[in-house]
PDB file of N, CA and C in Angstrom:
ATOM      1  N   MET A   1    -231.121  27.879 -36.578  1.00  0.00           N
ATOM      2  CA  MET A   1    -231.253  28.683 -37.131  1.00  0.00           C
ATOM      3  C   MET A   1    -230.786  30.097 -35.779  1.00  0.00           C
ATOM      4  N   THR A   2    -231.947  29.223 -34.956  1.00  0.00           N
ATOM      5  CA  THR A   2    -231.892  29.667 -33.378  1.00  0.00           C
ATOM      6  C   THR A   2    -230.447  29.739 -32.670  1.00  0.00           C
ATOM      7  N   LYS A   3    -230.165  28.250 -32.824  1.00  0.00           N
ATOM      8  CA  LYS A   3    -228.835  27.919 -32.354  1.00  0.00           C
ATOM      9  C   LYS A   3    -227.877  29.028 -32.579  1.00  0.00           C
ATOM     10  N   GLU A   4    -227.437  29.376 -33.989  1.00  0.00           N
ATOM     11  CA  GLU A   4    -226.769  29.813 -34.196  1.00  0.00           C
ATOM     12  C   GLU A   4    -226.611  31.320 -33.607  1.00  0.00           C
ATOM     13  N   ILE A   5    -227.870  32.328 -33.612  1.00  0.00           N
ATOM     14  CA  ILE A   5    -228.306  33.225 -33.035  1.00  0.00           C
ATOM     15  C   ILE A   5    -227.591  33.168 -31.555  1.00  0.00           C
ATOM     16  N   ASN A   6    -227.626  32.110 -30.789  1.00  0.00           N
ATOM     17  CA  ASN A   6    -227.546  31.970 -29.260  1.00  0.00           C
ATOM     18  C   ASN A   6    -225.982  32.167 -29.048  1.00  0.00           C
ATOM     19  N   GLU A   7    -225.465  31.413 -30.733  1.00  0.00           N
ATOM     20  CA  GLU A   7    -223.673  31.374 -29.682  1.00  0.00           C
ATOM     21  C   GLU A   7    -223.440  32.213 -30.646  1.00  0.00           C
ATOM     22  N   LYS A   8    -223.678  33.653 -31.042  1.00  0.00           N
ATOM     23  CA  LYS A   8    -223.102  34.650 -31.193  1.00  0.00           C
ATOM     24  C   LYS A   8    -222.980  35.663 -29.709  1.00  0.00           C
ATOM     25  N   LYS A   9    -222.007  36.493 -29.821  1.00  0.00           N
ATOM     26  CA  LYS A   9    -221.718  37.337 -28.734  1.00  0.00           C
ATOM     27  C   LYS A   9    -221.501  38.875 -29.328  1.00  0.00           C
ATOM     28  N   PHE A  10    -222.226  39.759 -28.500  1.00  0.00           N
ATOM     29  CA  PHE A  10    -222.442  40.894 -28.612  1.00  0.00           C
ATOM     30  C   PHE A  10    -221.731  42.005 -27.516  1.00  0.00           C
ATOM     31  N   PHE A  11    -221.204  42.961 -28.333  1.00  0.00           N
ATOM     32  CA  PHE A  11    -220.416  43.515 -27.111  1.00  0.00           C
ATOM     33  C   PHE A  11    -221.525  44.947 -26.786  1.00  0.00           C
ATOM     34  N   ILE A  12    -221.925  45.495 -25.600  1.00  0.00           N
ATOM     35  CA  ILE A  12    -222.416  46.584 -25.386  1.00  0.00           C
ATOM     36  C   ILE A  12    -221.793  47.753 -25.529  1.00  0.00           C
ATOM     37  N   ILE A  13    -221.867  48.769 -26.285  1.00  0.00           N
ATOM     38  CA  ILE A  13    -221.109  50.022 -26.964  1.00  0.00           C
ATOM     39  C   ILE A  13    -221.227  50.981 -25.937  1.00  0.00           C
ATOM     40  N   ARG A  14    -220.469  51.748 -25.374  1.00  0.00           N
ATOM     41  CA  ARG A  14    -221.495  52.980 -24.748  1.00  0.00           C
ATOM     42  C   ARG A  14    -220.718  54.145 -25.802  1.00  0.00           C
ATOM     43  N   LYS A  15    -221.537  55.253 -26.405  1.00  0.00           N
ATOM     44  CA  LYS A  15    -221.145  56.201 -26.922  1.00  0.00           C
ATOM     45  C   LYS A  15    -221.541  57.225 -25.985  1.00  0.00           C
ATOM     46  N   THR A  16    -220.287  58.512 -26.039  1.00  0.00           N
ATOM     47  CA  THR A  16    -220.399  59.882 -25.458  1.00  0.00           C
ATOM     48  C   THR A  16    -219.736  60.486 -26.284  1.00  0.00           C
ATOM     49  N   LYS A  17    -221.328  61.614 -26.471  1.00  0.00           N
ATOM     50  CA  LYS A  17    -221.000  62.847 -27.540  1.00  0.00           C
ATOM     51  C   LYS A  17    -220.225  64.026 -26.381  1.00  0.00           C
ATOM     52  N   TYR A  18    -219.331  64.419 -27.129  1.00  0.00           N
ATOM     53  CA  TYR A  18    -218.930  65.577 -26.332  1.00  0.00           C
ATOM     54  C   TYR A  18    -218.913  66.967 -27.131  1.00  0.00           C
ATOM     55  N   ASP A  19    -218.865  68.491 -26.729  1.00  0.00           N
ATOM     56  CA  ASP A  19    -219.065  69.237 -27.890  1.00  0.00           C
ATOM     57  C   ASP A  19    -217.657  69.438 -28.091  1.00  0.00           C
ATOM     58  N   TYR A  20    -216.684  69.394 -27.383  1.00  0.00           N
ATOM     59  CA  TYR A  20    -215.641  69.726 -27.906  1.00  0.00           C
ATOM     60  C   TYR A  20    -214.524  68.732 -28.701  1.00  0.00           C
ATOM     61  N   GLN A  21    -215.406  67.398 -28.995  1.00  0.00           N
ATOM     62  CA  GLN A  21    -214.027  66.728 -30.010  1.00  0.00           C
ATOM     63  C   GLN A  21    -215.010  65.596 -30.318  1.00  0.00           C
ATOM     64  N   HIS A  22    -214.087  65.302 -30.677  1.00  0.00           N
ATOM     65  CA  HIS A  22    -215.121  63.793 -31.395  1.00  0.00           C
ATOM     66  C   HIS A  22    -215.589  62.576 -30.718  1.00  0.00           C
ATOM     67  N   ASP A  23    -217.246  62.331 -31.227  1.00  0.00           N
ATOM     68  CA  ASP A  23    -217.404  61.152 -29.966  1.00  0.00           C
ATOM     69  C   ASP A  23    -216.625  59.943 -29.375  1.00  0.00           C
ATOM     70  N   ASN A  24    -216.662  59.490 -28.394  1.00  0.00           N
ATOM     71  CA  ASN A  24    -216.210  58.450 -27.799  1.00  0.00           C
ATOM     72  C   ASN A  24    -216.717  57.087 -27.859  1.00  0.00           C
ATOM     73  N   TYR A  25    -216.093  56.339 -28.130  1.00  0.00           N
ATOM     74  CA  TYR A  25    -216.674  54.700 -28.045  1.00  0.00           C
ATOM     75  C   TYR A  25    -216.102  54.213 -27.277  1.00  0.00           C
ATOM     76  N   SER A  26    -216.830  53.188 -26.379  1.00  0.00           N
ATOM     77  CA  SER A  26    -216.120  52.267 -25.577  1.00  0.00           C
ATOM     78  C   SER A  26    -216.892  51.304 -25.646  1.00  0.00           C
ATOM     79  N   ILE A  27    -216.399  49.973 -25.041  1.00  0.00           N
ATOM     80  CA  ILE A  27    -216.758  48.649 -24.852  1.00  0.00           C
ATOM     81  C   ILE A  27    -217.627  48.492 -23.359  1.00  0.00           C
ATOM     82  N   HIS A  28    -218.601  48.593 -22.825  1.00  0.00           N
ATOM     83  CA  HIS A  28    -219.412  48.437 -21.312  1.00  0.00           C
ATOM     84  C   HIS A  28    -218.728  47.262 -20.392  1.00  0.00           C
ATOM     85  N   ASP A  29    -217.876  47.045 -19.666  1.00  0.00           N
ATOM     86  CA  ASP A  29    -217.697  45.969 -18.844  1.00  0.00           C
ATOM     87  C   ASP A  29    -216.800  45.313 -19.613  1.00  0.00           C
ATOM     88  N   ASP A  30    -215.787  45.484 -20.585  1.00  0.00           N
ATOM     89  CA  ASP A  30    -215.235  44.934 -20.761  1.00  0.00           C
ATOM     90  C   ASP A  30    -215.203  43.655 -21.437  1.00  0.00           C
ATOM     91  N   ASN A  31    -216.316  43.387 -21.682  1.00  0.00           N
ATOM     92  CA  ASN A  31    -217.255  41.755 -21.558  1.00  0.00           C
ATOM     93  C   ASN A  31    -218.053  41.715 -22.980  1.00  0.00           C
ATOM     94  N   MET A  32    -217.876  40.363 -22.934  1.00  0.00           N
ATOM     95  CA  MET A  32    -219.086  40.116 -24.487  1.00  0.00           C
ATOM     96  C   MET A  32    -220.000  39.502 -23.879  1.00  0.00           C
ATOM     97  N   TYR A  33    -221.047  39.589 -24.226  1.00  0.00           N
ATOM     98  CA  TYR A  33    -222.394  38.314 -24.235  1.00  0.00           C
ATOM     99  C   TYR A  33    -222.984  37.583 -25.139  1.00  0.00           C
ATOM    100  N   ASP A  34    -223.656  36.716 -24.959  1.00  0.00           N
ATOM    101  CA  ASP A  34    -224.988  36.415 -25.957  1.00  0.00           C
ATOM    102  C   ASP A  34    -225.742  36.782 -25.708  1.00  0.00           C
ATOM    103  N   LEU A  35    -226.738  37.113 -27.039  1.00  0.00           N
ATOM    104  CA  LEU A  35    -228.025  37.962 -27.582  1.00  0.00           C
ATOM    105  C   LEU A  35    -228.988  38.437 -26.163  1.00  0.00           C
ATOM    106  N   THR A  36    -229.812  37.280 -25.385  1.00  0.00           N
ATOM    107  CA  THR A  36    -230.348  37.824 -24.670  1.00  0.00           C
ATOM    108  C   THR A  36    -229.765  38.416 -23.441  1.00  0.00           C
ATOM    109  N   THR A  37    -228.594  38.169 -22.650  1.00  0.00           N
ATOM    110  CA  THR A  37    -227.675  38.424 -21.814  1.00  0.00           C
ATOM    111  C   THR A  37    -227.483  40.079 -22.070  1.00  0.00           C
ATOM    112  N   ALA A  38    -226.996  40.207 -23.443  1.00  0.00           N
ATOM    113  CA  ALA A  38    -227.193  41.789 -23.715  1.00  0.00           C
ATOM    114  C   ALA A  38    -228.333  42.846 -24.242  1.00  0.00           C
ATOM    115  N   VAL A  39    -228.970  41.844 -24.454  1.00  0.00           N
ATOM    116  CA  VAL A  39    -230.435  43.138 -24.857  1.00  0.00           C
ATOM    117  C   VAL A  39    -230.747  43.490 -22.929  1.00  0.00           C
ATOM    118  N   LYS A  40    -230.763  42.214 -22.278  1.00  0.00           N
ATOM    119  CA  LYS A  40    -230.985  42.838 -20.513  1.00  0.00           C
ATOM    120  C   LYS A  40    -230.634  43.873 -20.059  1.00  0.00           C
ATOM    121  N   LYS A  41    -228.861  43.542 -20.763  1.00  0.00           N
ATOM    122  CA  LYS A  41    -227.971  44.825 -19.680  1.00  0.00           C
ATOM    123  C   LYS A  41    -228.502  46.020 -20.563  1.00  0.00           C
ATOM    124  N   LEU A  42    -228.447  46.148 -21.488  1.00  0.00           N
ATOM    125  CA  LEU A  42    -228.601  46.885 -22.493  1.00  0.00           C
ATOM    126  C   LEU A  42    -230.143  47.823 -22.017  1.00  0.00           C
ATOM    127  N   LEU A  43    -231.007  47.209 -22.142  1.00  0.00           N
ATOM    128  CA  LEU A  43    -232.276  47.907 -21.706  1.00  0.00           C
ATOM    129  C   LEU A  43    -232.018  48.712 -20.260  1.00  0.00           C
ATOM    130  N   ALA A  44    -231.427  47.755 -19.326  1.00  0.00           N
ATOM    131  CA  ALA A  44    -231.258  48.212 -17.705  1.00  0.00           C
ATOM    132  C   ALA A  44    -229.914  49.371 -18.065  1.00  0.00           C
ATOM    133  N   LEU A  45    -228.838  49.436 -19.077  1.00  0.00           N
ATOM    134  CA  LEU A  45    -228.407  50.585 -18.969  1.00  0.00           C
ATOM    135  C   LEU A  45    -229.081  51.767 -19.068  1.00  0.00           C
ATOM    136  N   ASP A  46    -229.501  51.180 -20.727  1.00  0.00           N
ATOM    137  CA  ASP A  46    -231.009  52.956 -20.929  1.00  0.00           C
ATOM    138  C   ASP A  46    -231.403  52.786 -19.764  1.00  0.00           C
ATOM    139  N   THR A  47    -232.120  52.207 -18.776  1.00  0.00           N
ATOM    140  CA  THR A  47    -233.624  52.575 -18.276  1.00  0.00           C
ATOM    141  C   THR A  47    -232.566  53.716 -16.833  1.00  0.00           C
ATOM    142  N   LEU A  48    -231.299  53.134 -16.257  1.00  0.00           N
ATOM    143  CA  LEU A  48    -230.746  53.838 -16.004  1.00  0.00           C
ATOM    144  C   LEU A  48    -229.872  55.372 -16.190  1.00  0.00           C
ATOM    145  N   ASN A  49    -229.586  55.498 -17.398  1.00  0.00           N
ATOM    146  CA  ASN A  49    -229.255  56.249 -18.040  1.00  0.00           C
ATOM    147  C   ASN A  49    -229.676  57.365 -17.911  1.00  0.00           C
ATOM    148  N   GLU A  50    -229.233  58.520 -17.043  1.00  0.00           N
ATOM    149  CA  GLU A  50    -229.765  60.008 -16.832  1.00  0.00           C
ATOM    150  C   GLU A  50    -229.385  61.201 -17.765  1.00  0.00           C
ATOM    151  N   ASP A  51    -228.441  61.080 -18.858  1.00  0.00           N
ATOM    152  CA  ASP A  51    -227.647  61.837 -19.373  1.00  0.00           C
ATOM    153  C   ASP A  51    -228.269  61.293 -20.728  1.00  0.00           C
ATOM    154  N   ARG A  52    -229.345  61.137 -21.529  1.00  0.00           N
ATOM    155  CA  ARG A  52    -229.423  60.417 -22.761  1.00  0.00           C
ATOM    156  C   ARG A  52    -228.709  61.425 -24.165  1.00  0.00           C
ATOM    157  N   LYS A  53    -228.764  62.555 -23.849  1.00  0.00           N
ATOM    158  CA  LYS A  53    -228.513  63.147 -24.750  1.00  0.00           C
ATOM    159  C   LYS A  53    -226.985  63.404 -25.315  1.00  0.00           C
ATOM    160  N   LYS A  54    -226.146  62.834 -24.021  1.00  0.00           N
ATOM    161  CA  LYS A  54    -224.584  62.870 -23.818  1.00  0.00           C
ATOM    162  C   LYS A  54    -224.240  61.362 -24.091  1.00  0.00           C
ATOM    163  N   VAL A  55    -224.902  60.500 -23.568  1.00  0.00           N
ATOM    164  CA  VAL A  55    -224.870  59.029 -23.515  1.00  0.00           C
ATOM    165  C   VAL A  55    -225.783  58.156 -23.942  1.00  0.00           C
ATOM    166  N   SER A  56    -225.196  57.336 -24.937  1.00  0.00           N
ATOM    167  CA  SER A  56    -226.384  56.278 -25.204  1.00  0.00           C
ATOM    168  C   SER A  56    -225.228  54.072 -25.113  1.00  0.00           C
ATOM    169  N   TYR A  57    -226.360  53.339 -25.270  1.00  0.00           N
ATOM    170  CA  TYR A  57    -225.562  52.125 -25.286  1.00  0.00           C
ATOM    171  C   TYR A  57    -226.585  51.787 -26.832  1.00  0.00           C
ATOM    172  N   HIS A  58    -225.435  50.618 -27.256  1.00  0.00           N
ATOM    173  CA  HIS A  58    -225.686  50.006 -28.736  1.00  0.00           C
ATOM    174  C   HIS A  58    -225.034  48.912 -28.657  1.00  0.00           C
ATOM    175  N   LEU A  59    -225.519  47.532 -29.271  1.00  0.00           N
ATOM    176  CA  LEU A  59    -224.469  46.577 -29.116  1.00  0.00           C
ATOM    177  C   LEU A  59    -224.190  45.987 -30.853  1.00  0.00           C
ATOM    178  N   GLN A  60    -222.731  45.379 -30.547  1.00  0.00           N
ATOM    179  CA  GLN A  60    -222.341  45.471 -32.015  1.00  0.00           C
ATOM    180  C   GLN A  60    -221.852  43.878 -31.936  1.00  0.00           C
ATOM    181  N   GLU A  61    -222.166  43.211 -32.491  1.00  0.00           N
ATOM    182  CA  GLU A  61    -221.508  42.056 -32.560  1.00  0.00           C
ATOM    183  C   GLU A  61    -220.427  41.587 -32.777  1.00  0.00           C
ATOM    184  N   VAL A  62    -219.648  40.801 -31.985  1.00  0.00           N
ATOM    185  CA  VAL A  62    -218.335  40.545 -32.272  1.00  0.00           C
ATOM    186  C   VAL A  62    -218.136  39.513 -33.034  1.00  0.00           C
ATOM    187  N   ASN A  63    -217.364  39.650 -34.060  1.00  0.00           N
ATOM    188  CA  ASN A  63    -216.444  39.281 -35.624  1.00  0.00           C
ATOM    189  C   ASN A  63    -215.498  38.474 -34.922  1.00  0.00           C
ATOM    190  N   PHE A  64    -215.142  37.065 -35.604  1.00  0.00           N
ATOM    191  CA  PHE A  64    -214.266  36.199 -34.812  1.00  0.00           C
ATOM    192  C   PHE A  64    -213.643  35.870 -36.207  1.00  0.00           C
ATOM    193  N   SER A  65    -213.876  36.519 -36.986  1.00  0.00           N
ATOM    194  CA  SER A  65    -213.718  35.542 -38.823  1.00  0.00           C
ATOM    195  C   SER A  65    -211.997  35.930 -38.905  1.00  0.00           C
ATOM    196  N   MET A  66    -211.672  37.671 -38.126  1.00  0.00           N
ATOM    197  CA  MET A  66    -210.110  37.656 -38.254  1.00  0.00           C
ATOM    198  C   MET A  66    -209.166  36.587 -37.057  1.00  0.00           C
ATOM    199  N   VAL A  67    -210.125  36.258 -36.444  1.00  0.00           N
ATOM    200  CA  VAL A  67    -209.153  35.429 -35.382  1.00  0.00           C
ATOM    201  C   VAL A  67    -209.403  33.758 -35.518  1.00  0.00           C
ATOM    202  N   ASP A  68    -210.501  33.108 -36.266  1.00  0.00           N
ATOM    203  CA  ASP A  68    -210.136  32.056 -36.141  1.00  0.00           C
ATOM    204  C   ASP A  68    -209.084  31.368 -37.069  1.00  0.00           C
ATOM    205  N   LYS A  69    -208.713  32.066 -37.826  1.00  0.00           N
ATOM    206  CA  LYS A  69    -208.069  31.048 -39.172  1.00  0.00           C
ATOM    207  C   LYS A  69    -206.350  31.395 -38.354  1.00  0.00           C
ATOM    208  N   PRO A  70    -205.421  30.516 -38.742  1.00  0.00           N
ATOM    209  CA  PRO A  70    -204.188  30.708 -38.594  1.00  0.00           C
ATOM    210  C   PRO A  70    -203.591  31.736 -39.071  1.00  0.00           C
ATOM    211  N   LEU A  71    -202.652  32.536 -38.407  1.00  0.00           N
ATOM    212  CA  LEU A  71    -201.925  33.863 -38.968  1.00  0.00           C
ATOM    213  C   LEU A  71    -200.791  32.938 -40.113  1.00  0.00           C
ATOM    214  N   VAL A  72    -201.130  33.677 -41.241  1.00  0.00           N
ATOM    215  CA  VAL A  72    -199.869  33.012 -42.165  1.00  0.00           C
ATOM    216  C   VAL A  72    -199.077  34.333 -42.608  1.00  0.00           C
ATOM    217  N   LEU A  73    -197.648  34.279 -42.740  1.00  0.00           N
ATOM    218  CA  LEU A  73    -196.586  34.855 -42.843  1.00  0.00           C
ATOM    219  C   LEU A  73    -196.853  35.390 -44.308  1.00  0.00           C
ATOM    220  N   THR A  74    -196.676  36.284 -44.633  1.00  0.00           N
ATOM    221  CA  THR A  74    -196.021  36.483 -46.160  1.00  0.00           C
ATOM    222  C   THR A  74    -194.566  36.040 -46.553  1.00  0.00           C
ATOM    223  N   ASP A  75    -194.270  36.438 -47.578  1.00  0.00           N
ATOM    224  CA  ASP A  75    -192.830  35.726 -48.405  1.00  0.00           C
ATOM    225  C   ASP A  75    -191.912  37.215 -47.991  1.00  0.00           C
ATOM    226  N   GLU A  76    -192.232  38.137 -47.575  1.00  0.00           N
ATOM    227  CA  GLU A  76    -191.451  39.803 -47.473  1.00  0.00           C
ATOM    228  C   GLU A  76    -190.849  39.064 -45.350  1.00  0.00           C
ATOM    229  N   VAL A  77    -191.648  38.656 -44.948  1.00  0.00           N
ATOM    230  CA  VAL A  77    -191.660  38.156 -43.651  1.00  0.00           C
ATOM    231  C   VAL A  77    -190.817  37.159 -43.241  1.00  0.00           C
ATOM    232  N   LYS A  78    -191.278  36.018 -44.267  1.00  0.00           N
ATOM    233  CA  LYS A  78    -190.622  34.710 -44.150  1.00  0.00           C
ATOM    234  C   LYS A  78    -189.039  34.840 -44.619  1.00  0.00           C
ATOM    235  N   GLU A  79    -188.539  36.007 -45.572  1.00  0.00           N
ATOM    236  CA  GLU A  79    -187.384  36.163 -45.660  1.00  0.00           C
ATOM    237  C   GLU A  79    -186.140  36.341 -44.582  1.00  0.00           C
ATOM    238  N   ASP A  80    -185.339  35.354 -44.878  1.00  0.00           N
ATOM    239  CA  ASP A  80    -184.312  35.070 -43.666  1.00  0.00           C
ATOM    240  C   ASP A  80    -182.762  35.948 -44.031  1.00  0.00           C
ATOM    241  N   LYS A  81    -183.034  37.234 -43.467  1.00  0.00           N
ATOM    242  CA  LYS A  81    -181.760  37.893 -43.457  1.00  0.00           C
ATOM    243  C   LYS A  81    -180.804  37.661 -42.293  1.00  0.00           C
ATOM    244  N   ASN A  82    -179.701  37.865 -42.796  1.00  0.00           N
ATOM    245  CA  ASN A  82    -179.046  38.304 -41.869  1.00  0.00           C
ATOM    246  C   ASN A  82    -179.017  40.105 -41.213  1.00  0.00           C
ATOM    247  N   TRP A  83    -179.169  40.314 -39.608  1.00  0.00           N
ATOM    248  CA  TRP A  83    -179.658  41.298 -39.118  1.00  0.00           C
ATOM    249  C   TRP A  83    -178.532  42.040 -39.669  1.00  0.00           C
ATOM    250  N   LYS A  84    -176.863  41.846 -39.367  1.00  0.00           N
ATOM    251  CA  LYS A  84    -175.991  42.442 -39.799  1.00  0.00           C
ATOM    252  C   LYS A  84    -176.187  43.373 -41.456  1.00  0.00           C
ATOM    253  N   GLU A  85    -176.984  42.333 -41.768  1.00  0.00           N
ATOM    254  CA  GLU A  85    -176.836  43.193 -43.366  1.00  0.00           C
ATOM    255  C   GLU A  85    -177.944  44.360 -43.622  1.00  0.00           C
ATOM    256  N   CYS A  86    -178.866  44.330 -43.010  1.00  0.00           N
ATOM    257  CA  CYS A  86    -180.147  45.395 -42.308  1.00  0.00           C
ATOM    258  C   CYS A  86    -179.358  46.702 -41.671  1.00  0.00           C
ATOM    259  N   ILE A  87    -178.301  46.519 -41.304  1.00  0.00           N
ATOM    260  CA  ILE A  87    -178.200  48.284 -40.689  1.00  0.00           C
ATOM    261  C   ILE A  87    -176.988  48.760 -41.559  1.00  0.00           C
ATOM    262  N   GLN A  88    -177.463  50.203 -41.561  1.00  0.00           N
ATOM    263  CA  GLN A  88    -176.946  50.828 -42.468  1.00  0.00           C
ATOM    264  C   GLN A  88    -175.549  51.013 -41.455  1.00  0.00           C
ATOM    265  N   GLU A  89    -174.490  51.498 -42.203  1.00  0.00           N
ATOM    266  CA  GLU A  89    -173.287  51.473 -41.742  1.00  0.00           C
ATOM    267  C   GLU A  89    -173.366  53.322 -41.033  1.00  0.00           C
ATOM    268  N   ASP A  90    -173.485  53.879 -42.129  1.00  0.00           N
ATOM    269  CA  ASP A  90    -173.492  54.975 -42.346  1.00  0.00           C
ATOM    270  C   ASP A  90    -174.210  56.315 -41.230  1.00  0.00           C
ATOM    271  N   LEU A  91    -174.775  55.483 -40.033  1.00  0.00           N
ATOM    272  CA  LEU A  91    -175.126  56.073 -38.906  1.00  0.00           C
ATOM    273  C   LEU A  91    -174.377  56.469 -37.842  1.00  0.00           C
ATOM    274  N   PRO A  92    -174.901  57.938 -37.789  1.00  0.00           N
ATOM    275  CA  PRO A  92    -173.773  58.448 -36.226  1.00  0.00           C
ATOM    276  C   PRO A  92    -173.593  58.106 -35.307  1.00  0.00           C
ATOM    277  N   PHE A  93    -173.970  56.800 -34.902  1.00  0.00           N
ATOM    278  CA  PHE A  93    -173.737  56.451 -33.609  1.00  0.00           C
ATOM    279  C   PHE A  93    -173.343  55.416 -33.471  1.00  0.00           C
TER     280      PHE A  93
END
């Protein structure tokens, strides 16, 4: 089980609260980290954070379940149509 946890990857999410609009979420440093590195960075960011009322940091596990499977085309996409048949002749241009 420890091996599975170490193989998981995490994003550090920066949440910024605004009074005039919805909260903004962004991935800190655009990288993913193993759990140990992510927690160390999260603690460092939280320690250096001077505006805790407005900015907070959170961990989000990276989920590869959607990208580790091959893309399967539906029958609708597989359907071979002649592109000329798809054009409407009544268009003004």
